[in-house]
Amino acid sequence: MLQKKSTATRTELSQGDISAVIQMAWEDRTTFETIQERIGVSESEVIKIMRAELQPDSFKLWRKRMKGRATKHRALRSAEMKFSDHAVADHRRANC
């Protein structure tokens, strides 16, 4: 059973967790809510991790890509979006 971490900070995360956060943050279908559920990192903490771990140009590219993207927030998704971001996150998490 997967145990949730309570609001983990970057110093408490393993390199594998940080890698998983970065991978899930880049994926269009994985919501910030799923990242919170899986790793215990909020959206603002994901942004801090991305800023610290990515090159400046890569971070700017990611922020531009994520800004306003409906697929990154469950509440903004339309009813036509039938995929489950949990399945994507489960699949990716196994590779870390």
N, C-alpha and C. Protein backbone atom coordinates (compact mmCIF):
# COMPACT_ATOMS: atom_id res chain seq x y z
N MET A 1 0.84 -1.18 0.00
CA MET A 1 0.00 0.00 0.00
C MET A 1 0.88 1.24 0.00
N LEU A 2 0.58 2.18 -0.85
CA LEU A 2 1.34 3.41 -0.95
C LEU A 2 0.99 4.34 0.20
N GLN A 3 2.01 4.76 0.92
CA GLN A 3 1.78 5.69 2.02
C GLN A 3 2.10 7.09 1.53
N LYS A 4 1.22 8.02 1.87
CA LYS A 4 1.42 9.41 1.48
C LYS A 4 2.41 10.06 2.43
N LYS A 5 3.25 10.89 1.86
CA LYS A 5 4.14 11.69 2.69
C LYS A 5 3.44 13.00 3.00
N SER A 6 3.59 13.49 4.18
CA SER A 6 2.92 14.74 4.53
C SER A 6 3.78 15.91 4.12
N THR A 7 3.30 16.66 3.18
CA THR A 7 3.96 17.84 2.65
C THR A 7 5.48 17.76 2.74
N ALA A 8 6.04 16.93 1.91
CA ALA A 8 7.49 16.72 1.91
C ALA A 8 8.22 17.94 1.38
N THR A 9 9.36 18.22 1.96
CA THR A 9 10.20 19.29 1.43
C THR A 9 11.26 18.67 0.55
N ARG A 10 11.91 19.50 -0.23
CA ARG A 10 12.89 19.01 -1.17
C ARG A 10 14.03 18.27 -0.47
N THR A 11 14.40 18.68 0.72
CA THR A 11 15.49 18.03 1.44
C THR A 11 15.08 16.65 1.96
N GLU A 12 13.78 16.42 2.15
CA GLU A 12 13.29 15.13 2.63
C GLU A 12 13.07 14.13 1.50
N LEU A 13 13.09 14.58 0.26
CA LEU A 13 12.84 13.71 -0.88
C LEU A 13 14.12 13.04 -1.33
N SER A 14 13.99 11.78 -1.73
CA SER A 14 15.13 11.08 -2.30
C SER A 14 15.34 11.55 -3.74
N GLN A 15 16.48 11.22 -4.31
CA GLN A 15 16.73 11.56 -5.71
C GLN A 15 15.69 10.91 -6.61
N GLY A 16 15.26 9.69 -6.26
CA GLY A 16 14.23 9.01 -7.04
C GLY A 16 12.90 9.75 -6.99
N ASP A 17 12.54 10.28 -5.80
CA ASP A 17 11.31 11.06 -5.66
C ASP A 17 11.39 12.34 -6.47
N ILE A 18 12.53 13.02 -6.41
CA ILE A 18 12.71 14.26 -7.17
C ILE A 18 12.61 13.97 -8.66
N SER A 19 13.22 12.88 -9.09
CA SER A 19 13.15 12.47 -10.49
C SER A 19 11.71 12.18 -10.90
N ALA A 20 10.96 11.50 -10.02
CA ALA A 20 9.56 11.19 -10.30
C ALA A 20 8.73 12.46 -10.39
N VAL A 21 8.97 13.43 -9.51
CA VAL A 21 8.25 14.70 -9.55
C VAL A 21 8.50 15.39 -10.88
N ILE A 22 9.76 15.45 -11.29
CA ILE A 22 10.10 16.11 -12.56
C ILE A 22 9.43 15.41 -13.73
N GLN A 23 9.48 14.09 -13.74
CA GLN A 23 8.88 13.33 -14.84
C GLN A 23 7.37 13.54 -14.90
N MET A 24 6.70 13.45 -13.74
CA MET A 24 5.25 13.63 -13.72
C MET A 24 4.87 15.07 -14.04
N ALA A 25 5.69 16.04 -13.62
CA ALA A 25 5.39 17.44 -13.90
C ALA A 25 5.46 17.73 -15.40
N TRP A 26 6.35 17.06 -16.12
CA TRP A 26 6.46 17.27 -17.56
C TRP A 26 5.30 16.61 -18.32
N GLU A 27 4.72 15.55 -17.75
CA GLU A 27 3.65 14.83 -18.45
C GLU A 27 2.37 15.67 -18.46
N ASP A 28 1.76 15.78 -19.61
CA ASP A 28 0.54 16.57 -19.74
C ASP A 28 -0.63 15.96 -18.97
N ARG A 29 -0.71 14.65 -18.93
CA ARG A 29 -1.88 14.00 -18.34
C ARG A 29 -1.82 13.86 -16.82
N THR A 30 -0.66 13.99 -16.22
CA THR A 30 -0.53 13.82 -14.78
C THR A 30 -0.80 15.15 -14.08
N THR A 31 -1.85 15.18 -13.27
CA THR A 31 -2.23 16.42 -12.60
C THR A 31 -1.34 16.70 -11.40
N PHE A 32 -1.36 17.95 -10.98
CA PHE A 32 -0.64 18.33 -9.77
C PHE A 32 -1.24 17.62 -8.55
N GLU A 33 -2.54 17.36 -8.60
CA GLU A 33 -3.19 16.64 -7.51
C GLU A 33 -2.65 15.22 -7.38
N THR A 34 -2.38 14.58 -8.50
CA THR A 34 -1.82 13.23 -8.47
C THR A 34 -0.40 13.25 -7.90
N ILE A 35 0.37 14.25 -8.28
CA ILE A 35 1.72 14.38 -7.72
C ILE A 35 1.63 14.55 -6.21
N GLN A 36 0.67 15.34 -5.75
CA GLN A 36 0.46 15.55 -4.31
C GLN A 36 0.11 14.22 -3.63
N GLU A 37 -0.79 13.45 -4.25
CA GLU A 37 -1.21 12.18 -3.67
C GLU A 37 -0.08 11.16 -3.65
N ARG A 38 0.70 11.09 -4.70
CA ARG A 38 1.74 10.06 -4.83
C ARG A 38 2.99 10.37 -4.01
N ILE A 39 3.42 11.64 -4.03
CA ILE A 39 4.71 11.97 -3.46
C ILE A 39 4.59 12.95 -2.29
N GLY A 40 3.45 13.61 -2.17
CA GLY A 40 3.25 14.54 -1.06
C GLY A 40 3.81 15.91 -1.31
N VAL A 41 3.90 16.30 -2.58
CA VAL A 41 4.47 17.59 -2.96
C VAL A 41 3.38 18.43 -3.60
N SER A 42 3.14 19.62 -3.06
CA SER A 42 2.10 20.51 -3.59
C SER A 42 2.55 21.14 -4.91
N GLU A 43 1.62 21.81 -5.57
CA GLU A 43 1.94 22.46 -6.84
C GLU A 43 3.05 23.49 -6.66
N SER A 44 2.97 24.30 -5.62
CA SER A 44 4.01 25.31 -5.40
C SER A 44 5.37 24.66 -5.12
N GLU A 45 5.37 23.53 -4.43
CA GLU A 45 6.62 22.82 -4.17
C GLU A 45 7.16 22.18 -5.45
N VAL A 46 6.26 21.72 -6.33
CA VAL A 46 6.69 21.19 -7.62
C VAL A 46 7.41 22.28 -8.40
N ILE A 47 6.85 23.48 -8.39
CA ILE A 47 7.47 24.61 -9.09
C ILE A 47 8.85 24.89 -8.51
N LYS A 48 8.98 24.86 -7.19
CA LYS A 48 10.29 25.10 -6.55
C LYS A 48 11.29 24.02 -6.95
N ILE A 49 10.84 22.76 -6.97
CA ILE A 49 11.72 21.67 -7.37
C ILE A 49 12.16 21.84 -8.82
N MET A 50 11.21 22.14 -9.68
CA MET A 50 11.53 22.32 -11.10
C MET A 50 12.52 23.48 -11.29
N ARG A 51 12.32 24.56 -10.57
CA ARG A 51 13.21 25.72 -10.67
C ARG A 51 14.64 25.35 -10.22
N ALA A 52 14.73 24.56 -9.15
CA ALA A 52 16.03 24.18 -8.61
C ALA A 52 16.75 23.13 -9.45
N GLU A 53 16.00 22.21 -10.05
CA GLU A 53 16.60 21.06 -10.72
C GLU A 53 16.81 21.24 -12.22
N LEU A 54 16.03 22.10 -12.85
CA LEU A 54 16.14 22.28 -14.31
C LEU A 54 17.07 23.45 -14.64
N GLN A 55 17.59 23.40 -15.84
CA GLN A 55 18.33 24.55 -16.35
C GLN A 55 17.34 25.71 -16.51
N PRO A 56 17.79 26.96 -16.38
CA PRO A 56 16.86 28.10 -16.46
C PRO A 56 15.98 28.11 -17.71
N ASP A 57 16.55 27.81 -18.87
CA ASP A 57 15.75 27.80 -20.10
C ASP A 57 14.72 26.68 -20.10
N SER A 58 15.09 25.52 -19.55
CA SER A 58 14.16 24.40 -19.46
C SER A 58 13.02 24.73 -18.51
N PHE A 59 13.34 25.38 -17.39
CA PHE A 59 12.31 25.77 -16.44
C PHE A 59 11.33 26.76 -17.09
N LYS A 60 11.84 27.74 -17.81
CA LYS A 60 10.98 28.72 -18.49
C LYS A 60 10.08 28.03 -19.52
N LEU A 61 10.64 27.08 -20.25
CA LEU A 61 9.87 26.33 -21.23
C LEU A 61 8.75 25.53 -20.55
N TRP A 62 9.08 24.87 -19.43
CA TRP A 62 8.09 24.11 -18.68
C TRP A 62 6.99 25.01 -18.15
N ARG A 63 7.35 26.14 -17.55
CA ARG A 63 6.35 27.07 -17.01
C ARG A 63 5.43 27.59 -18.11
N LYS A 64 6.00 27.92 -19.25
CA LYS A 64 5.19 28.40 -20.38
C LYS A 64 4.22 27.30 -20.82
N ARG A 65 4.71 26.07 -20.85
CA ARG A 65 3.89 24.93 -21.27
C ARG A 65 2.77 24.64 -20.27
N MET A 66 3.04 24.77 -18.99
CA MET A 66 2.06 24.43 -17.95
C MET A 66 1.05 25.54 -17.67
N LYS A 67 1.41 26.76 -17.96
CA LYS A 67 0.53 27.89 -17.63
C LYS A 67 -0.83 27.73 -18.32
N GLY A 68 -1.84 27.62 -17.50
CA GLY A 68 -3.20 27.55 -18.03
C GLY A 68 -3.58 26.22 -18.65
N ARG A 69 -2.75 25.20 -18.53
CA ARG A 69 -3.04 23.90 -19.14
C ARG A 69 -4.10 23.18 -18.31
N ALA A 70 -5.24 22.95 -18.91
CA ALA A 70 -6.38 22.35 -18.20
C ALA A 70 -6.09 20.93 -17.74
N THR A 71 -5.22 20.21 -18.43
CA THR A 71 -4.96 18.83 -18.06
C THR A 71 -4.14 18.70 -16.79
N LYS A 72 -3.52 19.76 -16.31
CA LYS A 72 -2.70 19.68 -15.12
C LYS A 72 -3.50 19.88 -13.83
N HIS A 73 -4.79 20.21 -13.96
CA HIS A 73 -5.66 20.40 -12.79
C HIS A 73 -6.96 19.65 -13.02
N ARG A 74 -7.31 18.75 -12.12
CA ARG A 74 -8.55 17.98 -12.28
C ARG A 74 -9.77 18.86 -12.40
N ALA A 75 -9.83 19.93 -11.63
CA ALA A 75 -11.01 20.80 -11.62
C ALA A 75 -11.21 21.51 -12.96
N LEU A 76 -10.16 21.67 -13.74
CA LEU A 76 -10.26 22.37 -15.03
C LEU A 76 -10.53 21.44 -16.20
N ARG A 77 -10.48 20.15 -15.97
CA ARG A 77 -10.68 19.19 -17.07
C ARG A 77 -12.13 19.15 -17.51
N SER A 78 -12.32 18.96 -18.79
CA SER A 78 -13.67 18.82 -19.32
C SER A 78 -14.14 17.38 -19.13
N ALA A 79 -15.43 17.20 -19.22
CA ALA A 79 -16.02 15.86 -19.04
C ALA A 79 -15.58 14.90 -20.13
N GLU A 80 -15.16 15.41 -21.28
CA GLU A 80 -14.72 14.55 -22.39
C GLU A 80 -13.38 13.88 -22.13
N MET A 81 -12.62 14.37 -21.18
CA MET A 81 -11.32 13.77 -20.88
C MET A 81 -11.55 12.50 -20.07
N LYS A 82 -11.41 11.37 -20.73
CA LYS A 82 -11.76 10.09 -20.13
C LYS A 82 -10.58 9.34 -19.53
N PHE A 83 -9.35 9.81 -19.76
CA PHE A 83 -8.20 9.07 -19.27
C PHE A 83 -7.99 9.29 -17.77
N SER A 84 -7.31 8.33 -17.16
CA SER A 84 -7.02 8.41 -15.73
C SER A 84 -5.55 8.75 -15.54
N ASP A 85 -5.28 9.86 -14.90
CA ASP A 85 -3.89 10.23 -14.67
C ASP A 85 -3.23 9.33 -13.63
N HIS A 86 -4.02 8.61 -12.85
CA HIS A 86 -3.46 7.67 -11.88
C HIS A 86 -2.73 6.55 -12.60
N ALA A 87 -3.27 6.06 -13.70
CA ALA A 87 -2.63 4.99 -14.46
C ALA A 87 -1.31 5.47 -15.04
N VAL A 88 -1.26 6.70 -15.53
CA VAL A 88 -0.03 7.25 -16.07
C VAL A 88 1.01 7.37 -14.97
N ALA A 89 0.60 7.91 -13.82
CA ALA A 89 1.54 8.09 -12.71
C ALA A 89 2.03 6.75 -12.18
N ASP A 90 1.16 5.74 -12.10
CA ASP A 90 1.58 4.43 -11.62
C ASP A 90 2.62 3.82 -12.55
N HIS A 91 2.38 3.93 -13.84
CA HIS A 91 3.30 3.37 -14.83
C HIS A 91 4.66 4.06 -14.74
N ARG A 92 4.66 5.36 -14.68
CA ARG A 92 5.91 6.12 -14.65
C ARG A 92 6.67 5.91 -13.34
N ARG A 93 5.95 5.81 -12.24
CA ARG A 93 6.57 5.67 -10.93
C ARG A 93 7.41 4.40 -10.85
N ALA A 94 6.99 3.36 -11.53
CA ALA A 94 7.71 2.09 -11.48
C ALA A 94 9.08 2.19 -12.12
N ASN A 95 9.29 3.15 -12.99
CA ASN A 95 10.56 3.29 -13.69
C ASN A 95 11.63 4.03 -12.90
N CYS A 96 11.28 4.56 -11.77
CA CYS A 96 12.24 5.38 -10.99
C CYS A 96 13.17 4.53 -10.17
